[in-house]
Amino acid sequence: MRLHKVFHNGRELRAGWRLLVFCLLVFVFGYAMHFVVKRLPLPDYPGLHPVGIIVDDAVLLLIALAATALMARFEHRSFSIYGLPRIRDLFGRMFWRGTVWGLVMPSTIILLIFSRGGYRVHGLHLTGAELLKFASLWILANLLIGLSEEILFRGYFIHACRWHRLLGGGSTGIDWFRRAALLHEAA
């Protein structure tokens, strides 16, 4: 009976164990996808290339979505409870607010670096269609980075830790996740 309390809180599997299962799912799916992607006839992009980032983060997004969907099914919860918007709300007000902040903050930092002499533009290497192509690829790459990281590092983690807090969980080694959940609720 006592060992049962280590794993179960009376209502469900404890938050820490659910997080461990989620992390194991991500690891197993990632390991499997590594072999799948390795066998695909993809060109090798040297250095920092948007197509390489798009492929990597699309795979990471699929892994995170699969692990989250499996945990949602395991916990008998809706997929949207993990902070993921419905498709019709995907490009809603919060998305555009985040887009504005995502453009304003880096631009401000670059402007400050420029004002102190640490950044210079010597001309554009690309023009016309090539410039439009790479600008679009980088926008897609950054969108996939944001989506995959939000879903992987915030979606399930914050929900599991929020439930842990609501069910009266004490201080744990992952207490900072709980604080992040409180900040997320306040926002």
C-alpha atoms as a PDB file:
ATOM      1  CA  MET A   1       0.000   0.000   0.000  1.00  0.00           C
ATOM      2  CA  ARG A   2       2.804   2.388   0.843  1.00  0.00           C
ATOM      3  CA  LEU A   3       4.611   1.826  -2.460  1.00  0.00           C
ATOM      4  CA  HIS A   4       1.358   2.649  -4.253  1.00  0.00           C
ATOM      5  CA  LYS A   5       1.437   6.147  -2.688  1.00  0.00           C
ATOM      6  CA  VAL A   6       4.878   6.724  -4.180  1.00  0.00           C
ATOM      7  CA  PHE A   7       3.441   6.395  -7.669  1.00  0.00           C
ATOM      8  CA  HIS A   8      -0.181   7.430  -7.235  1.00  0.00           C
ATOM      9  CA  ASN A   9      -1.800  10.320  -5.356  1.00  0.00           C
ATOM     10  CA  GLY A  10      -5.259   8.767  -5.057  1.00  0.00           C
ATOM     11  CA  ARG A  11      -6.579  10.305  -8.282  1.00  0.00           C
ATOM     12  CA  GLU A  12      -3.849   9.707 -10.853  1.00  0.00           C
ATOM     13  CA  LEU A  13      -0.182   9.007 -11.405  1.00  0.00           C
ATOM     14  CA  ARG A  14       1.881  11.619  -9.568  1.00  0.00           C
ATOM     15  CA  ALA A  15       3.129  14.607 -11.571  1.00  0.00           C
ATOM     16  CA  GLY A  16       6.798  13.667 -11.340  1.00  0.00           C
ATOM     17  CA  TRP A  17       6.136  10.183 -12.701  1.00  0.00           C
ATOM     18  CA  ARG A  18       3.968  11.583 -15.489  1.00  0.00           C
ATOM     19  CA  LEU A  19       6.777  13.960 -16.416  1.00  0.00           C
ATOM     20  CA  LEU A  20       9.224  11.058 -16.409  1.00  0.00           C
ATOM     21  CA  VAL A  21       6.926   9.055 -18.721  1.00  0.00           C
ATOM     22  CA  PHE A  22       6.607  12.085 -21.007  1.00  0.00           C
ATOM     23  CA  CYS A  23      10.397  12.526 -21.129  1.00  0.00           C
ATOM     24  CA  LEU A  24      10.868   8.824 -21.876  1.00  0.00           C
ATOM     25  CA  LEU A  25       8.319   9.037 -24.688  1.00  0.00           C
ATOM     26  CA  VAL A  26      10.134  12.031 -26.167  1.00  0.00           C
ATOM     27  CA  PHE A  27      13.445  10.161 -25.930  1.00  0.00           C
ATOM     28  CA  VAL A  28      12.072   6.973 -27.515  1.00  0.00           C
ATOM     29  CA  PHE A  29      10.263   8.851 -30.296  1.00  0.00           C
ATOM     30  CA  GLY A  30      13.371  10.967 -30.897  1.00  0.00           C
ATOM     31  CA  TYR A  31      15.583   7.906 -31.059  1.00  0.00           C
ATOM     32  CA  ALA A  32      13.224   6.239 -33.547  1.00  0.00           C
ATOM     33  CA  MET A  33      12.903   9.388 -35.665  1.00  0.00           C
ATOM     34  CA  HIS A  34      16.697   9.690 -35.795  1.00  0.00           C
ATOM     35  CA  PHE A  35      16.853   6.435 -37.737  1.00  0.00           C
ATOM     36  CA  VAL A  36      13.928   7.413 -39.987  1.00  0.00           C
ATOM     37  CA  VAL A  37      15.356  10.816 -40.887  1.00  0.00           C
ATOM     38  CA  LYS A  38      18.831   9.343 -41.388  1.00  0.00           C
ATOM     39  CA  ARG A  39      17.451   7.045 -44.083  1.00  0.00           C
ATOM     40  CA  LEU A  40      15.674   9.840 -45.984  1.00  0.00           C
ATOM     41  CA  PRO A  41      17.494  11.156 -49.064  1.00  0.00           C
ATOM     42  CA  LEU A  42      17.901  14.670 -47.680  1.00  0.00           C
ATOM     43  CA  PRO A  43      20.714  16.904 -48.920  1.00  0.00           C
ATOM     44  CA  ASP A  44      23.337  17.890 -46.382  1.00  0.00           C
ATOM     45  CA  TYR A  45      23.190  21.611 -45.689  1.00  0.00           C
ATOM     46  CA  PRO A  46      26.481  22.997 -44.387  1.00  0.00           C
ATOM     47  CA  GLY A  47      26.473  25.361 -41.462  1.00  0.00           C
ATOM     48  CA  LEU A  48      23.444  27.309 -40.385  1.00  0.00           C
ATOM     49  CA  HIS A  49      20.925  26.774 -43.175  1.00  0.00           C
ATOM     50  CA  PRO A  50      17.157  27.374 -42.858  1.00  0.00           C
ATOM     51  CA  VAL A  51      16.182  24.089 -44.548  1.00  0.00           C
ATOM     52  CA  GLY A  52      18.259  22.075 -42.069  1.00  0.00           C
ATOM     53  CA  ILE A  53      16.602  23.921 -39.186  1.00  0.00           C
ATOM     54  CA  ILE A  54      13.149  23.408 -40.735  1.00  0.00           C
ATOM     55  CA  VAL A  55      13.709  19.648 -41.003  1.00  0.00           C
ATOM     56  CA  ASP A  56      15.123  19.374 -37.460  1.00  0.00           C
ATOM     57  CA  ASP A  57      12.370  21.406 -35.843  1.00  0.00           C
ATOM     58  CA  ALA A  58       9.574  19.818 -37.874  1.00  0.00           C
ATOM     59  CA  VAL A  59      10.767  16.438 -36.576  1.00  0.00           C
ATOM     60  CA  LEU A  60      11.011  17.831 -33.033  1.00  0.00           C
ATOM     61  CA  LEU A  61       7.490  19.248 -33.369  1.00  0.00           C
ATOM     62  CA  LEU A  62       6.139  15.857 -34.492  1.00  0.00           C
ATOM     63  CA  ILE A  63       7.892  14.147 -31.579  1.00  0.00           C
ATOM     64  CA  ALA A  64       6.502  16.648 -29.060  1.00  0.00           C
ATOM     65  CA  LEU A  65       2.993  16.431 -30.508  1.00  0.00           C
ATOM     66  CA  ALA A  66       3.068  12.617 -30.518  1.00  0.00           C
ATOM     67  CA  ALA A  67       4.278  12.418 -26.912  1.00  0.00           C
ATOM     68  CA  THR A  68       1.726  15.007 -25.781  1.00  0.00           C
ATOM     69  CA  ALA A  69      -1.095  13.239 -27.650  1.00  0.00           C
ATOM     70  CA  LEU A  70      -0.130   9.913 -26.082  1.00  0.00           C
ATOM     71  CA  MET A  71      -0.065  11.437 -22.598  1.00  0.00           C
ATOM     72  CA  ALA A  72      -3.433  13.118 -23.243  1.00  0.00           C
ATOM     73  CA  ARG A  73      -4.881   9.742 -24.172  1.00  0.00           C
ATOM     74  CA  PHE A  74      -3.233   8.071 -21.165  1.00  0.00           C
ATOM     75  CA  GLU A  75      -4.635  10.728 -18.797  1.00  0.00           C
ATOM     76  CA  HIS A  76      -8.062  10.865 -20.507  1.00  0.00           C
ATOM     77  CA  ARG A  77      -7.702  14.589 -21.148  1.00  0.00           C
ATOM     78  CA  SER A  78      -8.287  16.811 -24.126  1.00  0.00           C
ATOM     79  CA  PHE A  79      -5.239  17.646 -26.219  1.00  0.00           C
ATOM     80  CA  SER A  80      -6.030  21.362 -25.925  1.00  0.00           C
ATOM     81  CA  ILE A  81      -5.723  21.321 -22.115  1.00  0.00           C
ATOM     82  CA  TYR A  82      -1.931  21.444 -22.498  1.00  0.00           C
ATOM     83  CA  GLY A  83      -2.069  25.050 -23.665  1.00  0.00           C
ATOM     84  CA  LEU A  84      -2.164  24.268 -27.359  1.00  0.00           C
ATOM     85  CA  PRO A  85      -4.689  26.410 -29.203  1.00  0.00           C
ATOM     86  CA  ARG A  86      -7.395  24.987 -31.403  1.00  0.00           C
ATOM     87  CA  ILE A  87      -6.650  25.212 -35.115  1.00  0.00           C
ATOM     88  CA  ARG A  88      -9.126  28.075 -35.609  1.00  0.00           C
ATOM     89  CA  ASP A  89      -7.410  30.019 -32.778  1.00  0.00           C
ATOM     90  CA  LEU A  90      -3.882  29.219 -33.934  1.00  0.00           C
ATOM     91  CA  PHE A  91      -3.353  32.573 -35.640  1.00  0.00           C
ATOM     92  CA  GLY A  92      -5.501  34.553 -33.220  1.00  0.00           C
ATOM     93  CA  ARG A  93      -4.772  37.625 -31.134  1.00  0.00           C
ATOM     94  CA  MET A  94      -2.121  35.984 -28.940  1.00  0.00           C
ATOM     95  CA  PHE A  95      -0.186  34.773 -31.991  1.00  0.00           C
ATOM     96  CA  TRP A  96      -0.034  38.260 -33.478  1.00  0.00           C
ATOM     97  CA  ARG A  97       0.866  39.815 -30.137  1.00  0.00           C
ATOM     98  CA  GLY A  98       3.739  37.338 -29.875  1.00  0.00           C
ATOM     99  CA  THR A  99       4.752  38.085 -33.445  1.00  0.00           C
ATOM    100  CA  VAL A 100       4.994  41.801 -32.689  1.00  0.00           C
ATOM    101  CA  TRP A 101       7.079  41.154 -29.561  1.00  0.00           C
ATOM    102  CA  GLY A 102       9.187  38.654 -31.494  1.00  0.00           C
ATOM    103  CA  LEU A 103      10.009  41.339 -34.055  1.00  0.00           C
ATOM    104  CA  VAL A 104      10.333  44.336 -31.728  1.00  0.00           C
ATOM    105  CA  MET A 105      12.668  42.836 -29.122  1.00  0.00           C
ATOM    106  CA  PRO A 106      15.413  41.462 -31.430  1.00  0.00           C
ATOM    107  CA  SER A 107      15.174  44.599 -33.578  1.00  0.00           C
ATOM    108  CA  THR A 108      15.680  46.756 -30.490  1.00  0.00           C
ATOM    109  CA  ILE A 109      18.688  44.704 -29.424  1.00  0.00           C
ATOM    110  CA  ILE A 110      20.217  44.907 -32.908  1.00  0.00           C
ATOM    111  CA  LEU A 111      19.564  48.659 -32.973  1.00  0.00           C
ATOM    112  CA  LEU A 112      21.304  49.072 -29.611  1.00  0.00           C
ATOM    113  CA  ILE A 113      24.289  47.022 -30.789  1.00  0.00           C
ATOM    114  CA  PHE A 114      24.355  49.078 -34.004  1.00  0.00           C
ATOM    115  CA  SER A 115      24.256  52.348 -32.043  1.00  0.00           C
ATOM    116  CA  ARG A 116      27.400  51.308 -30.118  1.00  0.00           C
ATOM    117  CA  GLY A 117      29.294  50.343 -33.297  1.00  0.00           C
ATOM    118  CA  GLY A 118      29.042  46.565 -32.896  1.00  0.00           C
ATOM    119  CA  TYR A 119      26.978  45.876 -36.009  1.00  0.00           C
ATOM    120  CA  ARG A 120      27.495  46.955 -39.623  1.00  0.00           C
ATOM    121  CA  VAL A 121      25.699  46.141 -42.844  1.00  0.00           C
ATOM    122  CA  HIS A 122      28.015  46.129 -45.848  1.00  0.00           C
ATOM    123  CA  GLY A 123      25.306  45.365 -48.392  1.00  0.00           C
ATOM    124  CA  LEU A 124      23.030  42.482 -49.236  1.00  0.00           C
ATOM    125  CA  HIS A 125      24.436  39.276 -50.662  1.00  0.00           C
ATOM    126  CA  LEU A 126      21.013  38.250 -51.971  1.00  0.00           C
ATOM    127  CA  THR A 127      18.498  40.240 -53.959  1.00  0.00           C
ATOM    128  CA  GLY A 128      15.166  39.717 -55.680  1.00  0.00           C
ATOM    129  CA  ALA A 129      13.730  36.202 -55.711  1.00  0.00           C
ATOM    130  CA  GLU A 130      16.619  34.710 -53.716  1.00  0.00           C
ATOM    131  CA  LEU A 131      16.134  37.268 -50.940  1.00  0.00           C
ATOM    132  CA  LEU A 132      12.388  36.528 -50.832  1.00  0.00           C
ATOM    133  CA  LYS A 133      13.062  32.762 -50.847  1.00  0.00           C
ATOM    134  CA  PHE A 134      15.498  32.858 -47.926  1.00  0.00           C
ATOM    135  CA  ALA A 135      13.410  35.364 -45.958  1.00  0.00           C
ATOM    136  CA  SER A 136      10.439  32.988 -46.273  1.00  0.00           C
ATOM    137  CA  LEU A 137      12.543  29.970 -45.317  1.00  0.00           C
ATOM    138  CA  TRP A 138      13.895  31.745 -42.229  1.00  0.00           C
ATOM    139  CA  ILE A 139      10.389  32.864 -41.187  1.00  0.00           C
ATOM    140  CA  LEU A 140       9.184  29.264 -41.471  1.00  0.00           C
ATOM    141  CA  ALA A 141      12.255  27.986 -39.608  1.00  0.00           C
ATOM    142  CA  ASN A 142      11.727  30.419 -36.735  1.00  0.00           C
ATOM    143  CA  LEU A 143       8.013  29.628 -36.570  1.00  0.00           C
ATOM    144  CA  LEU A 144       8.816  25.908 -36.291  1.00  0.00           C
ATOM    145  CA  ILE A 145      11.456  26.611 -33.633  1.00  0.00           C
ATOM    146  CA  GLY A 146       8.913  28.536 -31.585  1.00  0.00           C
ATOM    147  CA  LEU A 147       6.142  25.956 -31.957  1.00  0.00           C
ATOM    148  CA  SER A 148       8.337  22.945 -31.221  1.00  0.00           C
ATOM    149  CA  GLU A 149       9.941  24.542 -28.168  1.00  0.00           C
ATOM    150  CA  GLU A 150       6.637  25.806 -26.760  1.00  0.00           C
ATOM    151  CA  ILE A 151       5.007  22.408 -27.100  1.00  0.00           C
ATOM    152  CA  LEU A 152       8.017  20.410 -25.929  1.00  0.00           C
ATOM    153  CA  PHE A 153       9.188  22.577 -23.031  1.00  0.00           C
ATOM    154  CA  ARG A 154       5.997  24.282 -21.888  1.00  0.00           C
ATOM    155  CA  GLY A 155       2.832  22.465 -22.963  1.00  0.00           C
ATOM    156  CA  TYR A 156       2.847  19.199 -21.065  1.00  0.00           C
ATOM    157  CA  PHE A 157       5.393  20.235 -18.426  1.00  0.00           C
ATOM    158  CA  ILE A 158       3.470  23.255 -17.200  1.00  0.00           C
ATOM    159  CA  HIS A 159       0.163  21.407 -17.193  1.00  0.00           C
ATOM    160  CA  ALA A 160       1.542  18.456 -15.212  1.00  0.00           C
ATOM    161  CA  CYS A 161       3.179  20.743 -12.666  1.00  0.00           C
ATOM    162  CA  ARG A 162       0.076  22.923 -12.391  1.00  0.00           C
ATOM    163  CA  TRP A 163      -1.993  19.868 -11.481  1.00  0.00           C
ATOM    164  CA  HIS A 164       0.690  18.869  -9.008  1.00  0.00           C
ATOM    165  CA  ARG A 165       0.306  22.256  -7.306  1.00  0.00           C
ATOM    166  CA  LEU A 166      -3.503  22.108  -7.320  1.00  0.00           C
ATOM    167  CA  LEU A 167      -3.489  18.632  -5.789  1.00  0.00           C
ATOM    168  CA  GLY A 168      -1.401  19.818  -2.853  1.00  0.00           C
ATOM    169  CA  GLY A 169       2.017  18.602  -3.903  1.00  0.00           C
ATOM    170  CA  GLY A 170       4.883  19.703  -1.720  1.00  0.00           C
ATOM    171  CA  SER A 171       8.236  21.113  -2.680  1.00  0.00           C
ATOM    172  CA  THR A 172      10.008  19.029  -5.303  1.00  0.00           C
ATOM    173  CA  GLY A 173      13.190  19.130  -7.292  1.00  0.00           C
ATOM    174  CA  ILE A 174      11.206  20.618 -10.146  1.00  0.00           C
ATOM    175  CA  ASP A 175       9.716  23.418  -8.097  1.00  0.00           C
ATOM    176  CA  TRP A 176      10.788  25.995 -10.666  1.00  0.00           C
ATOM    177  CA  PHE A 177       8.340  24.420 -13.150  1.00  0.00           C
ATOM    178  CA  ARG A 178       5.572  25.169 -10.675  1.00  0.00           C
ATOM    179  CA  ARG A 179       6.669  28.781 -10.476  1.00  0.00           C
ATOM    180  CA  ALA A 180       6.668  28.935 -14.274  1.00  0.00           C
ATOM    181  CA  ALA A 181       3.113  27.605 -14.255  1.00  0.00           C
ATOM    182  CA  LEU A 182       2.080  30.326 -11.821  1.00  0.00           C
ATOM    183  CA  LEU A 183       3.663  32.962 -14.045  1.00  0.00           C
ATOM    184  CA  HIS A 184       1.926  31.418 -17.043  1.00  0.00           C
ATOM    185  CA  GLU A 185      -1.450  31.582 -15.250  1.00  0.00           C
ATOM    186  CA  ALA A 186      -0.859  35.215 -14.274  1.00  0.00           C
ATOM    187  CA  ALA A 187      -0.125  36.162 -17.893  1.00  0.00           C
END
